[in-house]
């Protein structure tokens, strides 16, 4: 879960979130956030989330590829040695 915060009263939620994201508005919120956006433009959030989604998708595809390689390797080993 990500929390986007700009004010002091959102500090607790920023601390509890998996990823705290905030702009440069408040020093207290800035200290509790893990990701700090240097500009206050909403398109920056869209860019950050789309890049994160792309990275997540690439990692997921890589893990699927590795699983397929292992399964094919076991099947090939079973076919060559047991049949």
Protein backbone atom coordinates (compact mmCIF):
# COMPACT_ATOMS: atom_id res chain seq x y z
CA UNK A 1 0.00 0.00 0.00
CA UNK A 2 1.24 3.46 -0.80
CA UNK A 3 0.20 6.61 1.02
CA UNK A 4 0.46 10.04 -0.54
CA UNK A 5 0.77 12.76 2.07
CA UNK A 6 1.40 16.47 2.20
CA UNK A 7 0.59 17.57 5.74
CA UNK A 8 1.65 16.85 9.32
CA UNK A 9 -1.56 14.98 10.19
CA UNK A 10 -0.75 12.37 7.53
CA UNK A 11 2.60 11.45 9.12
CA UNK A 12 1.22 8.42 10.99
CA UNK A 13 -0.29 7.01 7.80
CA UNK A 14 2.97 7.63 5.94
CA UNK A 15 4.85 5.69 8.63
CA UNK A 16 2.42 2.74 8.47
CA UNK A 17 2.32 2.52 4.67
CA UNK A 18 4.60 0.15 2.76
CA UNK A 19 5.72 3.09 0.67
CA UNK A 20 5.31 6.67 1.81
CA UNK A 21 5.27 9.15 -1.05
CA UNK A 22 5.14 12.89 -0.64
CA UNK A 23 6.09 16.15 -2.25
CA UNK A 24 8.27 18.84 -0.75
CA UNK A 25 5.58 20.58 1.29
CA UNK A 26 6.19 19.57 4.89
CA UNK A 27 9.37 18.61 6.74
CA UNK A 28 7.63 16.23 9.19
CA UNK A 29 5.93 14.31 6.38
CA UNK A 30 9.17 14.37 4.39
CA UNK A 31 11.09 12.66 7.21
CA UNK A 32 8.52 9.86 7.49
CA UNK A 33 8.29 9.19 3.74
CA UNK A 34 10.40 6.69 1.86
CA UNK A 35 10.05 8.39 -1.53
CA UNK A 36 10.18 12.18 -1.89
CA UNK A 37 8.99 13.83 -5.09
CA UNK A 38 10.86 17.02 -5.79
CA UNK A 39 8.04 18.70 -7.68
CA UNK A 40 4.36 18.94 -6.79
CA UNK A 41 3.03 17.93 -10.19
CA UNK A 42 0.49 15.08 -10.31
CA UNK A 43 2.07 13.74 -13.51
CA UNK A 44 5.16 12.87 -11.45
CA UNK A 45 3.06 10.40 -9.44
CA UNK A 46 1.68 8.88 -12.62
CA UNK A 47 5.22 8.47 -13.98
CA UNK A 48 6.51 6.93 -10.76
CA UNK A 49 3.67 4.42 -10.52
CA UNK A 50 3.88 3.47 -14.20
CA UNK A 51 7.64 2.87 -13.89
CA UNK A 52 7.09 0.83 -10.75
CA UNK A 53 4.38 -1.22 -12.44
CA UNK A 54 6.67 -1.85 -15.40
CA UNK A 55 9.48 -3.03 -13.11
CA UNK A 56 7.07 -5.29 -11.21
CA UNK A 57 5.78 -6.79 -14.47
CA UNK A 58 9.32 -7.43 -15.70
CA UNK A 59 10.28 -9.19 -12.45
CA UNK A 60 7.10 -11.29 -12.58
CA UNK A 61 7.77 -12.28 -16.22
CA UNK A 62 11.37 -13.22 -15.36
CA UNK A 63 10.24 -15.44 -12.48
CA UNK A 64 7.67 -17.12 -14.75
CA UNK A 65 10.39 -17.76 -17.34
CA UNK A 66 12.68 -19.29 -14.73
CA UNK A 67 9.88 -21.56 -13.48
CA UNK A 68 9.15 -22.72 -17.04
CA UNK A 69 12.85 -23.44 -17.61
CA UNK A 70 13.00 -25.56 -14.45
CA UNK A 71 9.84 -27.48 -15.38
CA UNK A 72 11.10 -28.16 -18.91
CA UNK A 73 14.46 -29.27 -17.48
CA UNK A 74 12.78 -31.74 -15.11
CA UNK A 75 10.53 -33.03 -17.91
CA UNK A 76 13.51 -33.46 -20.22
CA UNK A 77 15.49 -35.26 -17.52
CA UNK A 78 12.53 -37.55 -16.75
CA UNK A 79 11.97 -38.29 -20.45
CA UNK A 80 15.63 -39.12 -21.12
CA UNK A 81 16.30 -41.19 -17.99
CA UNK A 82 13.02 -42.86 -17.09
CA UNK A 83 11.48 -43.77 -20.43
